[in-house]
């Protein structure tokens, strides 16, 4: 379970990085707003 959670989080981080780069925001901003949702 821990390994799978880490894998999912790595994939989320990569998606957040991509979205942040596309929009000129930070990874943290994308992650925090996504976390709220």
ModelCIF file with pLDDT and N, C-alpha, C, O atoms, coordinates in Angstrom:
data_MODEL
#
_entry.id   MODEL 
#
_entity.id                         1 
_entity.type                       polymer 
_entity.pdbx_number_of_molecules   1 
#
_entity_poly.entity_id                      1 
_entity_poly.type                           'polypeptide(L)' 
_entity_poly.nstd_linkage                   no 
_entity_poly.nstd_monomer                   no 
_entity_poly.pdbx_seq_one_letter_code       
;(UNK)(UNK)(UNK)(UNK)(UNK)(UNK)(UNK)(UNK)(UNK)(UNK)(UNK)(UNK)(UNK)(UNK)(UNK)(UNK)
(UNK)(UNK)(UNK)(UNK)(UNK)(UNK)(UNK)(UNK)(UNK)(UNK)(UNK)(UNK)(UNK)(UNK)(UNK)(UNK)
(UNK)(UNK)(UNK)(UNK)(UNK)
;
_entity_poly.pdbx_seq_one_letter_code_can   XXXXXXXXXXXXXXXXXXXXXXXXXXXXXXXXXXXXX 
_entity_poly.pdbx_strand_id                 A 
#
loop_
_entity_poly_seq.entity_id 
_entity_poly_seq.num 
_entity_poly_seq.mon_id 
_entity_poly_seq.hetero 
1 1  UNK n 
1 2  UNK n 
1 3  UNK n 
1 4  UNK n 
1 5  UNK n 
1 6  UNK n 
1 7  UNK n 
1 8  UNK n 
1 9  UNK n 
1 10 UNK n 
1 11 UNK n 
1 12 UNK n 
1 13 UNK n 
1 14 UNK n 
1 15 UNK n 
1 16 UNK n 
1 17 UNK n 
1 18 UNK n 
1 19 UNK n 
1 20 UNK n 
1 21 UNK n 
1 22 UNK n 
1 23 UNK n 
1 24 UNK n 
1 25 UNK n 
1 26 UNK n 
1 27 UNK n 
1 28 UNK n 
1 29 UNK n 
1 30 UNK n 
1 31 UNK n 
1 32 UNK n 
1 33 UNK n 
1 34 UNK n 
1 35 UNK n 
1 36 UNK n 
1 37 UNK n 
#
_struct_asym.id          A 
_struct_asym.entity_id   1 
#
loop_
_ma_qa_metric.id 
_ma_qa_metric.mode 
_ma_qa_metric.name 
_ma_qa_metric.software_group_id 
_ma_qa_metric.type 
1 global pLDDT . pLDDT 
2 local  pLDDT . pLDDT 
#
_ma_qa_metric_global.metric_id      1 
_ma_qa_metric_global.metric_value   96.70 
_ma_qa_metric_global.model_id       1 
_ma_qa_metric_global.ordinal_id     1 
#
loop_
_ma_qa_metric_local.label_asym_id 
_ma_qa_metric_local.label_comp_id 
_ma_qa_metric_local.label_seq_id 
_ma_qa_metric_local.metric_id 
_ma_qa_metric_local.metric_value 
_ma_qa_metric_local.model_id 
_ma_qa_metric_local.ordinal_id 
A UNK 1  2 97.00 1 1  
A UNK 2  2 97.00 1 2  
A UNK 3  2 97.00 1 3  
A UNK 4  2 97.00 1 4  
A UNK 5  2 97.00 1 5  
A UNK 6  2 97.00 1 6  
A UNK 7  2 96.00 1 7  
A UNK 8  2 96.00 1 8  
A UNK 9  2 97.00 1 9  
A UNK 10 2 97.00 1 10 
A UNK 11 2 97.00 1 11 
A UNK 12 2 97.00 1 12 
A UNK 13 2 98.00 1 13 
A UNK 14 2 98.00 1 14 
A UNK 15 2 97.00 1 15 
A UNK 16 2 97.00 1 16 
A UNK 17 2 98.00 1 17 
A UNK 18 2 97.00 1 18 
A UNK 19 2 96.00 1 19 
A UNK 20 2 97.00 1 20 
A UNK 21 2 97.00 1 21 
A UNK 22 2 96.00 1 22 
A UNK 23 2 94.00 1 23 
A UNK 24 2 96.00 1 24 
A UNK 25 2 96.00 1 25 
A UNK 26 2 97.00 1 26 
A UNK 27 2 98.00 1 27 
A UNK 28 2 97.00 1 28 
A UNK 29 2 97.00 1 29 
A UNK 30 2 97.00 1 30 
A UNK 31 2 97.00 1 31 
A UNK 32 2 96.00 1 32 
A UNK 33 2 96.00 1 33 
A UNK 34 2 96.00 1 34 
A UNK 35 2 96.00 1 35 
A UNK 36 2 96.00 1 36 
A UNK 37 2 96.00 1 37 
#
loop_
_atom_site.group_PDB 
_atom_site.id 
_atom_site.type_symbol 
_atom_site.label_atom_id 
_atom_site.label_alt_id 
_atom_site.label_comp_id 
_atom_site.label_asym_id 
_atom_site.label_entity_id 
_atom_site.label_seq_id 
_atom_site.pdbx_PDB_ins_code 
_atom_site.Cartn_x 
_atom_site.Cartn_y 
_atom_site.Cartn_z 
_atom_site.occupancy 
_atom_site.B_iso_or_equiv 
_atom_site.pdbx_formal_charge 
_atom_site.auth_seq_id 
_atom_site.auth_comp_id 
_atom_site.auth_asym_id 
_atom_site.auth_atom_id 
_atom_site.pdbx_PDB_model_num 
ATOM 1   N N  . UNK A 1 1  ? 0.840   -1.200 0.000   1.00 97.00 ? 1  UNK A N  1 
ATOM 2   C CA . UNK A 1 1  ? 0.000   0.000  0.000   1.00 97.00 ? 1  UNK A CA 1 
ATOM 3   C C  . UNK A 1 1  ? 0.874   1.249  0.000   1.00 97.00 ? 1  UNK A C  1 
ATOM 4   O O  . UNK A 1 1  ? 0.619   2.187  -0.755  1.00 97.00 ? 1  UNK A O  1 
ATOM 5   N N  . UNK A 1 2  ? 1.890   1.263  0.832   1.00 97.00 ? 2  UNK A N  1 
ATOM 6   C CA . UNK A 1 2  ? 2.789   2.420  0.889   1.00 97.00 ? 2  UNK A CA 1 
ATOM 7   C C  . UNK A 1 2  ? 3.455   2.653  -0.459  1.00 97.00 ? 2  UNK A C  1 
ATOM 8   O O  . UNK A 1 2  ? 3.549   3.790  -0.921  1.00 97.00 ? 2  UNK A O  1 
ATOM 9   N N  . UNK A 1 3  ? 3.915   1.578  -1.091  1.00 97.00 ? 3  UNK A N  1 
ATOM 10  C CA . UNK A 1 3  ? 4.562   1.711  -2.402  1.00 97.00 ? 3  UNK A CA 1 
ATOM 11  C C  . UNK A 1 3  ? 3.589   2.279  -3.432  1.00 97.00 ? 3  UNK A C  1 
ATOM 12  O O  . UNK A 1 3  ? 3.959   3.133  -4.238  1.00 97.00 ? 3  UNK A O  1 
ATOM 13  N N  . UNK A 1 4  ? 2.353   1.807  -3.405  1.00 97.00 ? 4  UNK A N  1 
ATOM 14  C CA . UNK A 1 4  ? 1.364   2.286  -4.372  1.00 97.00 ? 4  UNK A CA 1 
ATOM 15  C C  . UNK A 1 4  ? 0.988   3.748  -4.108  1.00 97.00 ? 4  UNK A C  1 
ATOM 16  O O  . UNK A 1 4  ? 0.781   4.510  -5.052  1.00 97.00 ? 4  UNK A O  1 
ATOM 17  N N  . UNK A 1 5  ? 0.900   4.139  -2.850  1.00 97.00 ? 5  UNK A N  1 
ATOM 18  C CA . UNK A 1 5  ? 0.634   5.540  -2.518  1.00 97.00 ? 5  UNK A CA 1 
ATOM 19  C C  . UNK A 1 5  ? 1.776   6.415  -3.036  1.00 97.00 ? 5  UNK A C  1 
ATOM 20  O O  . UNK A 1 5  ? 1.536   7.477  -3.611  1.00 97.00 ? 5  UNK A O  1 
ATOM 21  N N  . UNK A 1 6  ? 3.000   5.974  -2.835  1.00 97.00 ? 6  UNK A N  1 
ATOM 22  C CA . UNK A 1 6  ? 4.147   6.745  -3.327  1.00 97.00 ? 6  UNK A CA 1 
ATOM 23  C C  . UNK A 1 6  ? 4.125   6.854  -4.846  1.00 97.00 ? 6  UNK A C  1 
ATOM 24  O O  . UNK A 1 6  ? 4.433   7.911  -5.397  1.00 97.00 ? 6  UNK A O  1 
ATOM 25  N N  . UNK A 1 7  ? 3.762   5.768  -5.527  1.00 96.00 ? 7  UNK A N  1 
ATOM 26  C CA . UNK A 1 7  ? 3.672   5.785  -6.984  1.00 96.00 ? 7  UNK A CA 1 
ATOM 27  C C  . UNK A 1 7  ? 2.606   6.770  -7.456  1.00 96.00 ? 7  UNK A C  1 
ATOM 28  O O  . UNK A 1 7  ? 2.839   7.551  -8.379  1.00 96.00 ? 7  UNK A O  1 
ATOM 29  N N  . UNK A 1 8  ? 1.446   6.732  -6.825  1.00 96.00 ? 8  UNK A N  1 
ATOM 30  C CA . UNK A 1 8  ? 0.374   7.664  -7.176  1.00 96.00 ? 8  UNK A CA 1 
ATOM 31  C C  . UNK A 1 8  ? 0.825   9.098  -6.937  1.00 96.00 ? 8  UNK A C  1 
ATOM 32  O O  . UNK A 1 8  ? 0.594   9.969  -7.776  1.00 96.00 ? 8  UNK A O  1 
ATOM 33  N N  . UNK A 1 9  ? 1.464   9.349  -5.807  1.00 97.00 ? 9  UNK A N  1 
ATOM 34  C CA . UNK A 1 9  ? 1.930   10.704 -5.507  1.00 97.00 ? 9  UNK A CA 1 
ATOM 35  C C  . UNK A 1 9  ? 2.988   11.166 -6.496  1.00 97.00 ? 9  UNK A C  1 
ATOM 36  O O  . UNK A 1 9  ? 3.026   12.344 -6.853  1.00 97.00 ? 9  UNK A O  1 
ATOM 37  N N  . UNK A 1 10 ? 3.841   10.265 -6.942  1.00 97.00 ? 10 UNK A N  1 
ATOM 38  C CA . UNK A 1 10 ? 4.833   10.626 -7.965  1.00 97.00 ? 10 UNK A CA 1 
ATOM 39  C C  . UNK A 1 10 ? 4.143   11.007 -9.270  1.00 97.00 ? 10 UNK A C  1 
ATOM 40  O O  . UNK A 1 10 ? 4.548   11.957 -9.941  1.00 97.00 ? 10 UNK A O  1 
ATOM 41  N N  . UNK A 1 11 ? 3.096   10.259 -9.627  1.00 97.00 ? 11 UNK A N  1 
ATOM 42  C CA . UNK A 1 11 ? 2.363   10.591 -10.854 1.00 97.00 ? 11 UNK A CA 1 
ATOM 43  C C  . UNK A 1 11 ? 1.598   11.905 -10.707 1.00 97.00 ? 11 UNK A C  1 
ATOM 44  O O  . UNK A 1 11 ? 1.514   12.690 -11.651 1.00 97.00 ? 11 UNK A O  1 
ATOM 45  N N  . UNK A 1 12 ? 1.041   12.136 -9.519  1.00 97.00 ? 12 UNK A N  1 
ATOM 46  C CA . UNK A 1 12 ? 0.366   13.415 -9.285  1.00 97.00 ? 12 UNK A CA 1 
ATOM 47  C C  . UNK A 1 12 ? 1.366   14.558 -9.401  1.00 97.00 ? 12 UNK A C  1 
ATOM 48  O O  . UNK A 1 12 ? 1.091   15.564 -10.054 1.00 97.00 ? 12 UNK A O  1 
ATOM 49  N N  . UNK A 1 13 ? 2.516   14.406 -8.774  1.00 98.00 ? 13 UNK A N  1 
ATOM 50  C CA . UNK A 1 13 ? 3.543   15.458 -8.814  1.00 98.00 ? 13 UNK A CA 1 
ATOM 51  C C  . UNK A 1 13 ? 3.927   15.773 -10.264 1.00 98.00 ? 13 UNK A C  1 
ATOM 52  O O  . UNK A 1 13 ? 4.047   16.941 -10.636 1.00 98.00 ? 13 UNK A O  1 
ATOM 53  N N  . UNK A 1 14 ? 4.117   14.741 -11.072 1.00 98.00 ? 14 UNK A N  1 
ATOM 54  C CA . UNK A 1 14 ? 4.467   14.960 -12.479 1.00 98.00 ? 14 UNK A CA 1 
ATOM 55  C C  . UNK A 1 14 ? 3.362   15.722 -13.202 1.00 98.00 ? 14 UNK A C  1 
ATOM 56  O O  . UNK A 1 14 ? 3.645   16.619 -13.997 1.00 98.00 ? 14 UNK A O  1 
ATOM 57  N N  . UNK A 1 15 ? 2.109   15.373 -12.933 1.00 97.00 ? 15 UNK A N  1 
ATOM 58  C CA . UNK A 1 15 ? 0.989   16.081 -13.561 1.00 97.00 ? 15 UNK A CA 1 
ATOM 59  C C  . UNK A 1 15 ? 0.922   17.526 -13.077 1.00 97.00 ? 15 UNK A C  1 
ATOM 60  O O  . UNK A 1 15 ? 0.660   18.434 -13.866 1.00 97.00 ? 15 UNK A O  1 
ATOM 61  N N  . UNK A 1 16 ? 1.156   17.739 -11.788 1.00 97.00 ? 16 UNK A N  1 
ATOM 62  C CA . UNK A 1 16 ? 1.151   19.104 -11.244 1.00 97.00 ? 16 UNK A CA 1 
ATOM 63  C C  . UNK A 1 16 ? 2.273   19.929 -11.879 1.00 97.00 ? 16 UNK A C  1 
ATOM 64  O O  . UNK A 1 16 ? 2.075   21.099 -12.205 1.00 97.00 ? 16 UNK A O  1 
ATOM 65  N N  . UNK A 1 17 ? 3.443   19.323 -12.054 1.00 98.00 ? 17 UNK A N  1 
ATOM 66  C CA . UNK A 1 17 ? 4.564   20.029 -12.678 1.00 98.00 ? 17 UNK A CA 1 
ATOM 67  C C  . UNK A 1 17 ? 4.223   20.433 -14.106 1.00 98.00 ? 17 UNK A C  1 
ATOM 68  O O  . UNK A 1 17 ? 4.514   21.550 -14.532 1.00 98.00 ? 17 UNK A O  1 
ATOM 69  N N  . UNK A 1 18 ? 3.606   19.517 -14.836 1.00 97.00 ? 18 UNK A N  1 
ATOM 70  C CA . UNK A 1 18 ? 3.225   19.796 -16.216 1.00 97.00 ? 18 UNK A CA 1 
ATOM 71  C C  . UNK A 1 18 ? 2.214   20.942 -16.289 1.00 97.00 ? 18 UNK A C  1 
ATOM 72  O O  . UNK A 1 18 ? 2.358   21.859 -17.097 1.00 97.00 ? 18 UNK A O  1 
ATOM 73  N N  . UNK A 1 19 ? 1.186   20.877 -15.427 1.00 96.00 ? 19 UNK A N  1 
ATOM 74  C CA . UNK A 1 19 ? 0.156   21.922 -15.428 1.00 96.00 ? 19 UNK A CA 1 
ATOM 75  C C  . UNK A 1 19 ? 0.730   23.265 -14.989 1.00 96.00 ? 19 UNK A C  1 
ATOM 76  O O  . UNK A 1 19 ? 0.363   24.306 -15.533 1.00 96.00 ? 19 UNK A O  1 
ATOM 77  N N  . UNK A 1 20 ? 1.612   23.245 -14.026 1.00 97.00 ? 20 UNK A N  1 
ATOM 78  C CA . UNK A 1 20 ? 2.223   24.490 -13.559 1.00 97.00 ? 20 UNK A CA 1 
ATOM 79  C C  . UNK A 1 20 ? 3.055   25.124 -14.680 1.00 97.00 ? 20 UNK A C  1 
ATOM 80  O O  . UNK A 1 20 ? 3.006   26.338 -14.879 1.00 97.00 ? 20 UNK A O  1 
ATOM 81  N N  . UNK A 1 21 ? 3.801   24.319 -15.395 1.00 97.00 ? 21 UNK A N  1 
ATOM 82  C CA . UNK A 1 21 ? 4.614   24.833 -16.496 1.00 97.00 ? 21 UNK A CA 1 
ATOM 83  C C  . UNK A 1 21 ? 3.748   25.396 -17.618 1.00 97.00 ? 21 UNK A C  1 
ATOM 84  O O  . UNK A 1 21 ? 4.084   26.419 -18.215 1.00 97.00 ? 21 UNK A O  1 
ATOM 85  N N  . UNK A 1 22 ? 2.638   24.729 -17.899 1.00 96.00 ? 22 UNK A N  1 
ATOM 86  C CA . UNK A 1 22 ? 1.726   25.177 -18.959 1.00 96.00 ? 22 UNK A CA 1 
ATOM 87  C C  . UNK A 1 22 ? 1.084   26.515 -18.630 1.00 96.00 ? 22 UNK A C  1 
ATOM 88  O O  . UNK A 1 22 ? 0.816   27.313 -19.528 1.00 96.00 ? 22 UNK A O  1 
ATOM 89  N N  . UNK A 1 23 ? 0.833   26.767 -17.347 1.00 94.00 ? 23 UNK A N  1 
ATOM 90  C CA . UNK A 1 23 ? 0.057   27.940 -16.961 1.00 94.00 ? 23 UNK A CA 1 
ATOM 91  C C  . UNK A 1 23 ? 0.855   29.034 -16.274 1.00 94.00 ? 23 UNK A C  1 
ATOM 92  O O  . UNK A 1 23 ? 0.316   30.101 -15.978 1.00 94.00 ? 23 UNK A O  1 
ATOM 93  N N  . UNK A 1 24 ? 2.123   28.784 -16.017 1.00 96.00 ? 24 UNK A N  1 
ATOM 94  C CA . UNK A 1 24 ? 2.939   29.799 -15.356 1.00 96.00 ? 24 UNK A CA 1 
ATOM 95  C C  . UNK A 1 24 ? 2.677   29.911 -13.868 1.00 96.00 ? 24 UNK A C  1 
ATOM 96  O O  . UNK A 1 24 ? 3.008   30.927 -13.256 1.00 96.00 ? 24 UNK A O  1 
ATOM 97  N N  . UNK A 1 25 ? 2.089   28.888 -13.280 1.00 96.00 ? 25 UNK A N  1 
ATOM 98  C CA . UNK A 1 25 ? 1.875   28.870 -11.838 1.00 96.00 ? 25 UNK A CA 1 
ATOM 99  C C  . UNK A 1 25 ? 2.938   27.980 -11.205 1.00 96.00 ? 25 UNK A C  1 
ATOM 100 O O  . UNK A 1 25 ? 3.816   27.470 -11.901 1.00 96.00 ? 25 UNK A O  1 
ATOM 101 N N  . UNK A 1 26 ? 2.864   27.794 -9.913  1.00 97.00 ? 26 UNK A N  1 
ATOM 102 C CA . UNK A 1 26 ? 3.824   26.905 -9.258  1.00 97.00 ? 26 UNK A CA 1 
ATOM 103 C C  . UNK A 1 26 ? 3.201   25.535 -9.030  1.00 97.00 ? 26 UNK A C  1 
ATOM 104 O O  . UNK A 1 26 ? 1.979   25.387 -9.008  1.00 97.00 ? 26 UNK A O  1 
ATOM 105 N N  . UNK A 1 27 ? 4.050   24.552 -8.863  1.00 98.00 ? 27 UNK A N  1 
ATOM 106 C CA . UNK A 1 27 ? 3.595   23.199 -8.548  1.00 98.00 ? 27 UNK A CA 1 
ATOM 107 C C  . UNK A 1 27 ? 2.778   23.223 -7.262  1.00 98.00 ? 27 UNK A C  1 
ATOM 108 O O  . UNK A 1 27 ? 1.746   22.561 -7.158  1.00 98.00 ? 27 UNK A O  1 
ATOM 109 N N  . UNK A 1 28 ? 3.248   23.988 -6.288  1.00 97.00 ? 28 UNK A N  1 
ATOM 110 C CA . UNK A 1 28 ? 2.557   24.060 -5.001  1.00 97.00 ? 28 UNK A CA 1 
ATOM 111 C C  . UNK A 1 28 ? 1.154   24.634 -5.143  1.00 97.00 ? 28 UNK A C  1 
ATOM 112 O O  . UNK A 1 28 ? 0.219   24.151 -4.505  1.00 97.00 ? 28 UNK A O  1 
ATOM 113 N N  . UNK A 1 29 ? 1.000   25.675 -5.987  1.00 97.00 ? 29 UNK A N  1 
ATOM 114 C CA . UNK A 1 29 ? -0.329  26.252 -6.191  1.00 97.00 ? 29 UNK A CA 1 
ATOM 115 C C  . UNK A 1 29 ? -1.273  25.228 -6.804  1.00 97.00 ? 29 UNK A C  1 
ATOM 116 O O  . UNK A 1 29 ? -2.407  25.070 -6.351  1.00 97.00 ? 29 UNK A O  1 
ATOM 117 N N  . UNK A 1 30 ? -0.809  24.542 -7.823  1.00 97.00 ? 30 UNK A N  1 
ATOM 118 C CA . UNK A 1 30 ? -1.643  23.532 -8.476  1.00 97.00 ? 30 UNK A CA 1 
ATOM 119 C C  . UNK A 1 30 ? -1.996  22.430 -7.485  1.00 97.00 ? 30 UNK A C  1 
ATOM 120 O O  . UNK A 1 30 ? -3.151  22.013 -7.407  1.00 97.00 ? 30 UNK A O  1 
ATOM 121 N N  . UNK A 1 31 ? -1.008  21.955 -6.727  1.00 97.00 ? 31 UNK A N  1 
ATOM 122 C CA . UNK A 1 31 ? -1.238  20.870 -5.771  1.00 97.00 ? 31 UNK A CA 1 
ATOM 123 C C  . UNK A 1 31 ? -2.206  21.287 -4.668  1.00 97.00 ? 31 UNK A C  1 
ATOM 124 O O  . UNK A 1 31 ? -3.094  20.517 -4.304  1.00 97.00 ? 31 UNK A O  1 
ATOM 125 N N  . UNK A 1 32 ? -2.045  22.493 -4.133  1.00 96.00 ? 32 UNK A N  1 
ATOM 126 C CA . UNK A 1 32 ? -2.920  22.944 -3.044  1.00 96.00 ? 32 UNK A CA 1 
ATOM 127 C C  . UNK A 1 32 ? -4.365  23.099 -3.496  1.00 96.00 ? 32 UNK A C  1 
ATOM 128 O O  . UNK A 1 32 ? -5.285  22.681 -2.792  1.00 96.00 ? 32 UNK A O  1 
ATOM 129 N N  . UNK A 1 33 ? -4.569  23.689 -4.653  1.00 96.00 ? 33 UNK A N  1 
ATOM 130 C CA . UNK A 1 33 ? -5.940  23.860 -5.138  1.00 96.00 ? 33 UNK A CA 1 
ATOM 131 C C  . UNK A 1 33 ? -6.546  22.498 -5.455  1.00 96.00 ? 33 UNK A C  1 
ATOM 132 O O  . UNK A 1 33 ? -7.724  22.262 -5.187  1.00 96.00 ? 33 UNK A O  1 
ATOM 133 N N  . UNK A 1 34 ? -5.743  21.605 -6.026  1.00 96.00 ? 34 UNK A N  1 
ATOM 134 C CA . UNK A 1 34 ? -6.227  20.257 -6.297  1.00 96.00 ? 34 UNK A CA 1 
ATOM 135 C C  . UNK A 1 34 ? -6.571  19.550 -4.988  1.00 96.00 ? 34 UNK A C  1 
ATOM 136 O O  . UNK A 1 34 ? -7.594  18.871 -4.896  1.00 96.00 ? 34 UNK A O  1 
ATOM 137 N N  . UNK A 1 35 ? -5.717  19.708 -3.977  1.00 96.00 ? 35 UNK A N  1 
ATOM 138 C CA . UNK A 1 35 ? -5.985  19.110 -2.668  1.00 96.00 ? 35 UNK A CA 1 
ATOM 139 C C  . UNK A 1 35 ? -7.293  19.583 -2.081  1.00 96.00 ? 35 UNK A C  1 
ATOM 140 O O  . UNK A 1 35 ? -8.051  18.787 -1.527  1.00 96.00 ? 35 UNK A O  1 
ATOM 141 N N  . UNK A 1 36 ? -7.566  20.873 -2.196  1.00 96.00 ? 36 UNK A N  1 
ATOM 142 C CA . UNK A 1 36 ? -8.836  21.420 -1.698  1.00 96.00 ? 36 UNK A CA 1 
ATOM 143 C C  . UNK A 1 36 ? -10.019 20.750 -2.390  1.00 96.00 ? 36 UNK A C  1 
ATOM 144 O O  . UNK A 1 36 ? -11.006 20.394 -1.747  1.00 96.00 ? 36 UNK A O  1 
ATOM 145 N N  . UNK A 1 37 ? -9.910  20.583 -3.695  1.00 96.00 ? 37 UNK A N  1 
ATOM 146 C CA . UNK A 1 37 ? -11.009 19.977 -4.457  1.00 96.00 ? 37 UNK A CA 1 
ATOM 147 C C  . UNK A 1 37 ? -11.170 18.498 -4.111  1.00 96.00 ? 37 UNK A C  1 
ATOM 148 O O  . UNK A 1 37 ? -12.046 17.828 -4.658  1.00 96.00 ? 37 UNK A O  1 
#
